[in-house]
Amino acid sequence: MRKAIQLLFLLVFGLFLLSLLISYFYLNSIQSLPKLSARVDSNGDDSIDESIILEKTENEILDVPFGPPLNFTSIGNGFLAFSAYVDARDGNMGYPCVRIPVIATMKQNFKCRLTDREMEGTTYELSENHAMRYRVYIVNCKLPDEKELKRIKTIEIGAFNTKTAKLEFTVVPITYRIPKETEIKDHPLRYSVCLPQLFGNIYTAERIVEFIELYRLQGAGRFHVYVKKESLDTRVSRLLNRYSKEGIVEVINFHPDIQEKSIWYHGQLISVTDCHLRTIGLAKFVSFNDFDEFFIPMTNDSLLSTLEELLSNNTGSIRVPTFYMSIENKTLPITQHNFKCSPQADERLTKCIIRPEMVFEQGIHHTSRVIQNNYVSPTVSKNQLAVFHFKSRGGSSINHRIKDLLGEKLGRNYQKEIEELEIER
């Protein structure tokens, strides 16, 4: 009997020691995991708010690969092809096919050639060319077999060369592969921002820091910045390189061999088109705006929650009204020291946020064409979501929305980034 009691005691004691060891290793494994930043509200609640990204942790790297470089291929009479893509979406253009964006001086007939087969290409002109000499078109090459979409790596495009009086074919590499929009279920990023043009000294490094940190606080995971590298200010270039190493900013060198006066606004429509294609399957929501424009939720403190509500079901894009903010105080950050606002929102020069897989053609101020006719592109109420555009003009109204929503956190993050930039000098 005594031996039985001793054995029972040893068994219970052994189980107790085993449970202690399991608890010890479990706690150590939990402590070694990356910690998610928590938002501490003024009421003391330390619950995690997924819509707000707080101060950047040391050595935080976004592990989502960048896209390909933006390359231009010469075709025909000085025309340029770029960002060719296989498009499996069976949209209102009629069929899955290969599409080649082309910069040309006129709408003309192109031919497409794949191995030993030749077919007519249908040419579609984008809406926001503004009657300039060089315009952006999309050449659509219908394929007889949808299975070929997965195998194609290049396609030949034929254009008539007036100098040689011959139809000349040029090999164009495939840059992007777009599946059917209904097959895209998961996105590595919830929200990314397309910045179509950055050159010269239009924006200082300080203004760019303010822009990026304000949007990061609202959930933006990546910024796609199109630049003319040789024209950039040294501090701006250094700043973008640092953000790029962290995976936050994708810097795309943009320099088509075209006279800037011959194409609308430095070729902005080219970079808008490429960024739209670049983000399909990458981000659930994508906005197109400049460094002085800020999308701000008006009734909900979370931009991402607002986008989930506004861009649900069959809504492929939204047009967002613009308030103009006067810059009278040059103290940085600009958004925290300037509050004079236009009394009325501009519903004509809107800016867009899209679900990229649902869009066929994206313009600068509106979505020109969705991929299926059942997708819609409404203008949202200024009381739900608005763009605050900081420029010389504004108005008599006062609006503190950005400062009230993000001021304290933006100030801390902005100051940290500026200090790091100065250390790197």
Protein backbone atom coordinates (compact mmCIF):
# COMPACT_ATOMS: atom_id res chain seq x y z
CA MET A 1 0.00 0.00 0.00
CA ARG A 2 2.82 2.37 0.92
CA LYS A 3 4.58 1.64 -2.39
CA ALA A 4 1.40 2.40 -4.30
CA ILE A 5 1.10 5.76 -2.55
CA GLN A 6 4.77 6.54 -3.30
CA LEU A 7 4.30 5.68 -6.98
CA LEU A 8 1.17 7.85 -7.16
CA PHE A 9 3.06 10.74 -5.53
CA LEU A 10 5.97 10.39 -7.98
CA LEU A 11 3.54 10.31 -10.93
CA VAL A 12 1.72 13.45 -9.76
CA PHE A 13 5.01 15.25 -9.06
CA GLY A 14 6.36 14.28 -12.50
CA LEU A 15 3.26 15.61 -14.22
CA PHE A 16 3.61 18.83 -12.23
CA LEU A 17 7.24 19.28 -13.38
CA LEU A 18 6.26 18.50 -16.99
CA SER A 19 3.53 21.15 -16.91
CA LEU A 20 6.02 23.70 -15.56
CA LEU A 21 8.46 22.96 -18.40
CA ILE A 22 5.71 23.24 -21.04
CA SER A 23 4.57 26.57 -19.59
CA TYR A 24 8.15 27.88 -19.52
CA PHE A 25 8.83 27.07 -23.20
CA TYR A 26 5.44 28.38 -24.30
CA LEU A 27 5.97 31.74 -22.57
CA ASN A 28 9.44 32.06 -24.08
CA SER A 29 8.10 31.35 -27.57
CA ILE A 30 5.39 34.00 -27.15
CA GLN A 31 7.93 36.60 -26.02
CA SER A 32 10.12 35.91 -29.04
CA LEU A 33 7.33 36.65 -31.53
CA PRO A 34 7.16 40.11 -33.19
CA LYS A 35 4.96 42.44 -31.16
CA LEU A 36 2.06 44.26 -32.75
CA SER A 37 2.01 47.95 -31.89
CA ALA A 38 -1.02 48.89 -29.83
CA ARG A 39 -2.87 52.16 -29.84
CA VAL A 40 -3.35 53.68 -26.39
CA ASP A 41 -6.37 55.96 -26.46
CA SER A 42 -6.93 58.88 -24.14
CA ASN A 43 -9.40 56.77 -22.12
CA GLY A 44 -6.63 54.33 -21.26
CA ASP A 45 -7.89 51.54 -23.50
CA ASP A 46 -4.85 49.71 -24.87
CA SER A 47 -6.77 47.59 -27.39
CA ILE A 48 -5.27 47.16 -30.84
CA ASP A 49 -6.79 49.35 -33.55
CA GLU A 50 -5.90 47.69 -36.85
CA SER A 51 -6.80 50.82 -38.80
CA ILE A 52 -4.06 52.90 -37.18
CA ILE A 53 -0.38 52.09 -37.72
CA LEU A 54 1.65 53.59 -34.90
CA GLU A 55 5.27 54.57 -34.53
CA LYS A 56 7.62 52.61 -36.74
CA THR A 57 9.66 49.97 -34.90
CA GLU A 58 13.39 49.60 -35.42
CA ASN A 59 14.42 47.72 -38.57
CA GLU A 60 10.82 47.13 -39.63
CA ILE A 61 10.86 45.84 -43.22
CA LEU A 62 7.80 45.28 -45.38
CA ASP A 63 8.40 41.86 -46.95
CA VAL A 64 6.32 42.32 -50.12
CA PRO A 65 8.36 42.28 -53.37
CA PHE A 66 8.49 45.34 -55.62
CA GLY A 67 7.17 45.15 -59.16
CA PRO A 68 9.20 45.23 -62.40
CA PRO A 69 10.87 48.39 -63.78
CA LEU A 70 8.91 50.56 -66.20
CA ASN A 71 10.56 49.96 -69.58
CA PHE A 72 9.70 51.39 -72.99
CA THR A 73 10.08 49.52 -76.30
CA SER A 74 10.36 51.49 -79.57
CA ILE A 75 7.91 50.44 -82.27
CA GLY A 76 7.06 51.86 -85.69
CA ASN A 77 7.46 55.61 -86.26
CA GLY A 78 8.96 56.55 -82.92
CA PHE A 79 6.05 55.07 -80.97
CA LEU A 80 6.62 53.44 -77.58
CA ALA A 81 5.10 50.33 -76.01
CA PHE A 82 5.16 49.74 -72.24
CA SER A 83 3.72 47.49 -69.51
CA ALA A 84 2.24 44.84 -71.83
CA TYR A 85 0.00 42.43 -69.95
CA VAL A 86 -1.99 39.25 -70.36
CA ASP A 87 -5.53 39.91 -69.18
CA ALA A 88 -7.69 36.92 -68.28
CA ARG A 89 -10.63 39.11 -67.25
CA ASP A 90 -13.57 38.54 -69.59
CA GLY A 91 -14.58 42.18 -69.52
CA ASN A 92 -16.69 44.57 -71.55
CA MET A 93 -13.88 44.71 -74.12
CA GLY A 94 -15.21 41.31 -75.12
CA TYR A 95 -12.61 38.62 -74.34
CA PRO A 96 -9.43 37.68 -72.46
CA CYS A 97 -6.41 38.83 -74.45
CA VAL A 98 -2.98 40.43 -74.47
CA ARG A 99 -3.07 44.21 -74.09
CA ILE A 100 -0.20 46.56 -74.94
CA PRO A 101 -0.29 50.21 -73.79
CA VAL A 102 1.23 52.33 -76.55
CA ILE A 103 2.30 55.98 -76.80
CA ALA A 104 1.65 57.18 -80.34
CA THR A 105 0.92 60.34 -82.32
CA MET A 106 -2.16 58.91 -83.99
CA LYS A 107 -4.67 56.13 -83.71
CA GLN A 108 -3.61 53.54 -86.22
CA ASN A 109 -3.99 49.87 -87.01
CA PHE A 110 -1.57 47.54 -85.29
CA LYS A 111 -1.04 43.85 -85.89
CA CYS A 112 -0.20 41.24 -83.29
CA ARG A 113 1.89 38.14 -83.90
CA LEU A 114 2.30 35.13 -81.67
CA THR A 115 4.65 32.39 -82.93
CA ASP A 116 3.37 31.72 -86.46
CA ARG A 117 -0.05 33.37 -86.12
CA GLU A 118 -0.88 36.93 -87.03
CA MET A 119 -4.00 38.81 -85.95
CA GLU A 120 -5.46 42.29 -86.09
CA GLY A 121 -5.05 44.44 -83.00
CA THR A 122 -7.93 46.69 -81.96
CA THR A 123 -6.81 50.12 -80.74
CA TYR A 124 -8.50 51.84 -77.79
CA GLU A 125 -7.68 55.48 -76.93
CA LEU A 126 -7.55 56.47 -73.27
CA SER A 127 -9.86 59.30 -72.25
CA GLU A 128 -7.51 61.83 -70.64
CA ASN A 129 -5.06 62.56 -73.47
CA HIS A 130 -6.37 66.15 -73.81
CA ALA A 131 -5.79 66.26 -77.59
CA MET A 132 -2.00 66.36 -77.21
CA ARG A 133 0.35 65.23 -79.99
CA TYR A 134 1.41 62.08 -78.15
CA ARG A 135 -1.43 60.05 -76.70
CA VAL A 136 -1.81 56.80 -74.80
CA TYR A 137 -3.65 53.89 -76.43
CA ILE A 138 -4.20 50.24 -75.59
CA VAL A 139 -3.71 47.71 -78.38
CA ASN A 140 -5.85 44.61 -77.73
CA CYS A 141 -4.70 41.31 -79.22
CA LYS A 142 -7.34 38.60 -79.11
CA LEU A 143 -6.05 35.07 -78.63
CA PRO A 144 -7.77 32.02 -80.08
CA ASP A 145 -6.93 29.86 -77.10
CA GLU A 146 -7.31 31.17 -73.53
CA LYS A 147 -4.84 28.56 -72.29
CA GLU A 148 -2.09 30.41 -74.13
CA LEU A 149 -2.34 33.31 -71.68
CA LYS A 150 -0.34 31.34 -69.12
CA ARG A 151 2.45 30.50 -71.57
CA ILE A 152 3.04 33.83 -73.27
CA LYS A 153 6.26 35.64 -72.34
CA THR A 154 6.47 38.00 -75.31
CA ILE A 155 4.29 39.18 -78.16
CA GLU A 156 5.18 40.90 -81.42
CA ILE A 157 3.40 44.10 -82.35
CA GLY A 158 3.41 45.34 -85.93
CA ALA A 159 3.26 49.01 -86.93
CA PHE A 160 3.59 50.61 -90.35
CA ASN A 161 6.85 52.52 -90.72
CA THR A 162 6.41 55.44 -93.11
CA LYS A 163 10.18 55.76 -93.63
CA THR A 164 10.56 52.23 -94.96
CA ALA A 165 6.96 51.89 -96.20
CA LYS A 166 6.82 48.49 -94.51
CA LEU A 167 4.96 46.81 -91.69
CA GLU A 168 7.60 46.19 -89.03
CA PHE A 169 7.19 43.84 -86.07
CA THR A 170 8.86 44.41 -82.70
CA VAL A 171 9.07 41.96 -79.79
CA VAL A 172 7.41 43.35 -76.65
CA PRO A 173 7.95 41.54 -73.32
CA ILE A 174 4.98 40.72 -71.09
CA THR A 175 5.23 42.74 -67.87
CA TYR A 176 2.07 41.86 -65.92
CA ARG A 177 -0.27 38.87 -65.68
CA ILE A 178 -3.82 39.63 -64.57
CA PRO A 179 -6.11 36.74 -63.56
CA LYS A 180 -9.89 36.89 -63.62
CA GLU A 181 -10.96 39.43 -61.03
CA THR A 182 -13.22 36.90 -59.31
CA GLU A 183 -10.18 34.68 -58.65
CA ILE A 184 -8.34 37.34 -56.64
CA LYS A 185 -9.29 36.56 -53.05
CA ASP A 186 -6.34 37.70 -50.95
CA HIS A 187 -4.15 40.80 -51.22
CA PRO A 188 -0.71 41.17 -49.57
CA LEU A 189 -1.60 44.82 -48.86
CA ARG A 190 -4.92 46.39 -47.93
CA TYR A 191 -4.08 49.84 -49.26
CA SER A 192 -1.37 51.37 -51.43
CA VAL A 193 -0.88 54.83 -52.94
CA CYS A 194 0.11 55.70 -56.52
CA LEU A 195 2.05 58.95 -56.94
CA PRO A 196 2.23 59.49 -60.69
CA GLN A 197 4.98 62.13 -60.95
CA LEU A 198 7.87 63.47 -58.88
CA PHE A 199 10.58 65.58 -60.45
CA GLY A 200 12.75 68.58 -59.64
CA ASN A 201 12.17 70.39 -56.34
CA ILE A 202 8.38 70.70 -56.40
CA TYR A 203 8.15 68.90 -53.03
CA THR A 204 10.76 69.05 -50.28
CA ALA A 205 11.89 66.03 -48.29
CA GLU A 206 9.93 67.40 -45.32
CA ARG A 207 6.68 67.53 -47.28
CA ILE A 208 7.23 63.97 -48.54
CA VAL A 209 7.85 62.71 -44.98
CA GLU A 210 4.62 64.38 -43.85
CA PHE A 211 2.69 62.75 -46.69
CA ILE A 212 4.06 59.24 -46.18
CA GLU A 213 3.76 59.24 -42.40
CA LEU A 214 0.20 60.62 -42.48
CA TYR A 215 -0.89 57.89 -44.87
CA ARG A 216 0.95 55.18 -42.94
CA LEU A 217 -1.03 56.20 -39.88
CA GLN A 218 -4.14 55.55 -41.94
CA GLY A 219 -3.08 52.08 -43.05
CA ALA A 220 -1.18 52.60 -46.32
CA GLY A 221 1.32 49.78 -46.77
CA ARG A 222 3.16 50.95 -49.88
CA PHE A 223 3.77 54.06 -51.98
CA HIS A 224 4.53 53.72 -55.70
CA VAL A 225 6.50 56.85 -56.63
CA TYR A 226 7.31 57.63 -60.28
CA VAL A 227 10.42 59.79 -60.51
CA LYS A 228 12.92 61.33 -62.87
CA LYS A 229 15.91 60.37 -60.77
CA GLU A 230 18.42 62.70 -62.38
CA SER A 231 16.26 65.72 -61.54
CA LEU A 232 15.63 64.96 -57.87
CA ASP A 233 16.92 67.02 -54.98
CA THR A 234 19.69 65.18 -53.06
CA ARG A 235 17.76 65.06 -49.77
CA VAL A 236 14.62 63.81 -51.53
CA SER A 237 16.61 61.08 -53.28
CA ARG A 238 18.22 60.01 -49.99
CA LEU A 239 14.84 59.94 -48.25
CA LEU A 240 13.20 57.82 -50.94
CA ASN A 241 16.13 55.39 -50.89
CA ARG A 242 15.73 54.91 -47.13
CA TYR A 243 12.00 54.30 -47.39
CA SER A 244 12.67 51.96 -50.31
CA LYS A 245 15.09 49.84 -48.23
CA GLU A 246 12.29 49.45 -45.68
CA GLY A 247 9.93 48.21 -48.39
CA ILE A 248 7.61 51.18 -47.88
CA VAL A 249 8.32 53.15 -51.08
CA GLU A 250 8.70 51.61 -54.52
CA VAL A 251 10.70 54.04 -56.66
CA ILE A 252 9.95 53.66 -60.38
CA ASN A 253 12.24 55.56 -62.74
CA PHE A 254 10.10 57.25 -65.36
CA HIS A 255 11.69 58.78 -68.42
CA PRO A 256 9.98 58.12 -71.77
CA ASP A 257 11.88 59.52 -74.75
CA ILE A 258 9.19 62.08 -75.60
CA GLN A 259 9.20 65.87 -75.47
CA GLU A 260 7.27 66.84 -72.35
CA LYS A 261 5.40 69.60 -74.18
CA SER A 262 4.02 67.03 -76.62
CA ILE A 263 2.21 64.90 -74.02
CA TRP A 264 -0.25 65.80 -71.28
CA TYR A 265 1.37 66.89 -67.98
CA HIS A 266 4.76 65.19 -68.30
CA GLY A 267 3.14 61.89 -69.33
CA GLN A 268 1.16 61.45 -66.12
CA LEU A 269 -1.36 59.16 -67.79
CA ILE A 270 1.44 56.69 -68.56
CA SER A 271 2.41 56.34 -64.90
CA VAL A 272 -1.25 56.17 -63.81
CA THR A 273 -1.80 53.29 -66.26
CA ASP A 274 1.32 51.41 -65.14
CA CYS A 275 0.55 51.88 -61.44
CA HIS A 276 -2.99 50.61 -61.93
CA LEU A 277 -1.64 47.43 -63.57
CA ARG A 278 1.19 47.14 -61.02
CA THR A 279 -1.21 47.01 -58.07
CA ILE A 280 -3.73 44.46 -59.39
CA GLY A 281 -3.55 41.51 -56.99
CA LEU A 282 -1.17 43.42 -54.71
CA ALA A 283 -3.48 45.85 -52.87
CA LYS A 284 -7.19 45.70 -52.18
CA PHE A 285 -7.56 49.48 -52.37
CA VAL A 286 -5.42 51.88 -54.43
CA SER A 287 -5.56 55.68 -54.51
CA PHE A 288 -4.13 58.04 -57.12
CA ASN A 289 -3.05 61.42 -55.80
CA ASP A 290 -0.25 63.97 -55.40
CA PHE A 291 1.96 64.74 -52.40
CA ASP A 292 -0.26 67.66 -51.34
CA GLU A 293 -3.53 65.69 -51.36
CA PHE A 294 -4.85 63.73 -48.39
CA PHE A 295 -7.82 61.35 -48.24
CA ILE A 296 -9.49 61.84 -44.86
CA PRO A 297 -12.54 60.00 -43.43
CA MET A 298 -15.13 62.48 -42.18
CA THR A 299 -17.46 60.42 -39.96
CA ASN A 300 -15.32 57.38 -39.17
CA ASP A 301 -11.86 57.66 -37.61
CA SER A 302 -10.58 54.78 -39.75
CA LEU A 303 -9.84 55.28 -43.45
CA LEU A 304 -9.64 51.52 -44.04
CA SER A 305 -13.03 50.90 -42.42
CA THR A 306 -14.48 53.69 -44.55
CA LEU A 307 -13.06 52.10 -47.71
CA GLU A 308 -14.41 48.68 -46.76
CA GLU A 309 -17.84 50.26 -46.48
CA LEU A 310 -17.71 52.39 -49.64
CA LEU A 311 -15.92 49.89 -51.91
CA SER A 312 -18.00 46.80 -51.23
CA ASN A 313 -19.88 44.39 -53.49
CA ASN A 314 -19.83 45.68 -57.09
CA THR A 315 -18.29 49.11 -56.43
CA GLY A 316 -15.10 49.17 -58.52
CA SER A 317 -14.00 52.72 -57.70
CA ILE A 318 -15.11 55.89 -55.96
CA ARG A 319 -14.69 59.53 -56.88
CA VAL A 320 -13.87 61.63 -53.83
CA PRO A 321 -14.74 65.37 -53.59
CA THR A 322 -11.95 67.85 -52.85
CA PHE A 323 -11.65 70.61 -50.28
CA TYR A 324 -8.92 73.19 -50.96
CA MET A 325 -6.79 74.26 -48.00
CA SER A 326 -4.88 77.57 -48.00
CA ILE A 327 -1.19 77.38 -47.11
CA GLU A 328 -0.64 80.58 -45.13
CA ASN A 329 1.60 79.19 -42.40
CA LYS A 330 4.84 77.60 -43.67
CA THR A 331 5.50 75.82 -40.36
CA LEU A 332 5.87 72.06 -40.79
CA PRO A 333 4.01 69.77 -40.85
CA ILE A 334 1.79 71.82 -43.17
CA THR A 335 -1.37 69.86 -42.36
CA GLN A 336 -1.04 70.72 -38.67
CA HIS A 337 -0.74 74.49 -39.07
CA ASN A 338 -3.16 75.41 -41.87
CA PHE A 339 -6.90 75.21 -41.41
CA LYS A 340 -8.52 77.65 -43.85
CA CYS A 341 -10.73 75.61 -46.13
CA SER A 342 -12.93 76.17 -49.17
CA PRO A 343 -16.57 76.30 -48.03
CA GLN A 344 -17.69 73.97 -50.82
CA ALA A 345 -16.18 70.71 -52.03
CA ASP A 346 -15.12 70.40 -55.66
CA GLU A 347 -16.99 67.46 -57.21
CA ARG A 348 -15.50 67.91 -60.69
CA LEU A 349 -11.74 67.63 -60.07
CA THR A 350 -12.15 64.58 -57.85
CA LYS A 351 -9.53 61.98 -56.94
CA CYS A 352 -10.12 58.23 -57.03
CA ILE A 353 -9.69 55.17 -54.87
CA ILE A 354 -10.20 51.91 -56.73
CA ARG A 355 -10.31 48.15 -56.45
CA PRO A 356 -7.79 47.74 -59.27
CA GLU A 357 -8.88 44.35 -60.60
CA MET A 358 -12.35 45.79 -61.35
CA VAL A 359 -11.05 48.69 -63.46
CA PHE A 360 -10.07 48.65 -67.13
CA GLU A 361 -9.02 52.30 -67.63
CA GLN A 362 -8.06 54.68 -64.83
CA GLY A 363 -7.79 58.41 -65.40
CA ILE A 364 -6.37 61.21 -63.28
CA HIS A 365 -9.66 62.59 -61.96
CA HIS A 366 -12.08 59.77 -62.67
CA THR A 367 -12.31 56.09 -63.55
CA SER A 368 -12.91 56.06 -67.28
CA ARG A 369 -13.98 52.44 -67.67
CA VAL A 370 -14.60 49.47 -65.38
CA ILE A 371 -13.88 45.93 -66.57
CA GLN A 372 -17.51 44.75 -66.33
CA ASN A 373 -20.66 46.80 -66.85
CA ASN A 374 -22.13 45.70 -63.53
CA TYR A 375 -19.31 47.43 -61.62
CA VAL A 376 -20.07 51.00 -60.59
CA SER A 377 -17.98 54.12 -59.93
CA PRO A 378 -20.00 56.57 -57.81
CA THR A 379 -19.05 59.96 -56.39
CA VAL A 380 -19.17 59.63 -52.60
CA SER A 381 -20.51 62.19 -50.17
CA LYS A 382 -18.05 64.79 -48.86
CA ASN A 383 -19.52 63.99 -45.44
CA GLN A 384 -18.13 60.44 -45.63
CA LEU A 385 -14.74 60.88 -47.30
CA ALA A 386 -12.94 63.92 -48.69
CA VAL A 387 -9.63 64.96 -50.23
CA PHE A 388 -7.87 67.85 -48.51
CA HIS A 389 -5.71 69.56 -51.14
CA PHE A 390 -3.15 71.94 -49.65
CA LYS A 391 -2.33 74.70 -52.11
CA SER A 392 -2.37 78.49 -52.45
CA ARG A 393 -6.14 78.79 -52.65
CA GLY A 394 -8.58 77.94 -49.94
CA GLY A 395 -11.41 79.85 -48.36
CA SER A 396 -13.08 81.37 -45.35
CA SER A 397 -14.15 78.16 -43.61
CA ILE A 398 -12.07 76.54 -40.86
CA ASN A 399 -11.43 72.80 -40.73
CA HIS A 400 -9.31 71.02 -38.07
CA ARG A 401 -10.22 67.48 -39.12
CA ILE A 402 -6.68 66.27 -39.94
CA LYS A 403 -5.17 67.73 -36.78
CA ASP A 404 -7.94 66.33 -34.59
CA LEU A 405 -7.68 62.89 -36.16
CA LEU A 406 -3.92 62.40 -36.55
CA GLY A 407 -2.08 65.42 -35.14
CA GLU A 408 -0.28 63.99 -32.10
CA LYS A 409 0.81 60.72 -33.72
CA LEU A 410 1.79 62.44 -36.97
CA GLY A 411 3.94 64.92 -35.05
CA ARG A 412 5.91 62.14 -33.35
CA ASN A 413 6.44 60.06 -36.49
CA TYR A 414 7.29 63.10 -38.60
CA GLN A 415 9.90 64.31 -36.11
CA LYS A 416 11.50 60.87 -35.88
CA GLU A 417 11.87 60.58 -39.67
CA ILE A 418 13.28 64.10 -40.02
CA GLU A 419 15.84 63.42 -37.29
CA GLU A 420 16.94 60.21 -39.04
CA LEU A 421 17.23 62.09 -42.33
CA GLU A 422 19.48 64.70 -40.72
CA ILE A 423 21.67 62.01 -39.13
CA GLU A 424 22.30 60.52 -42.58
CA ARG A 425 23.74 63.78 -43.95
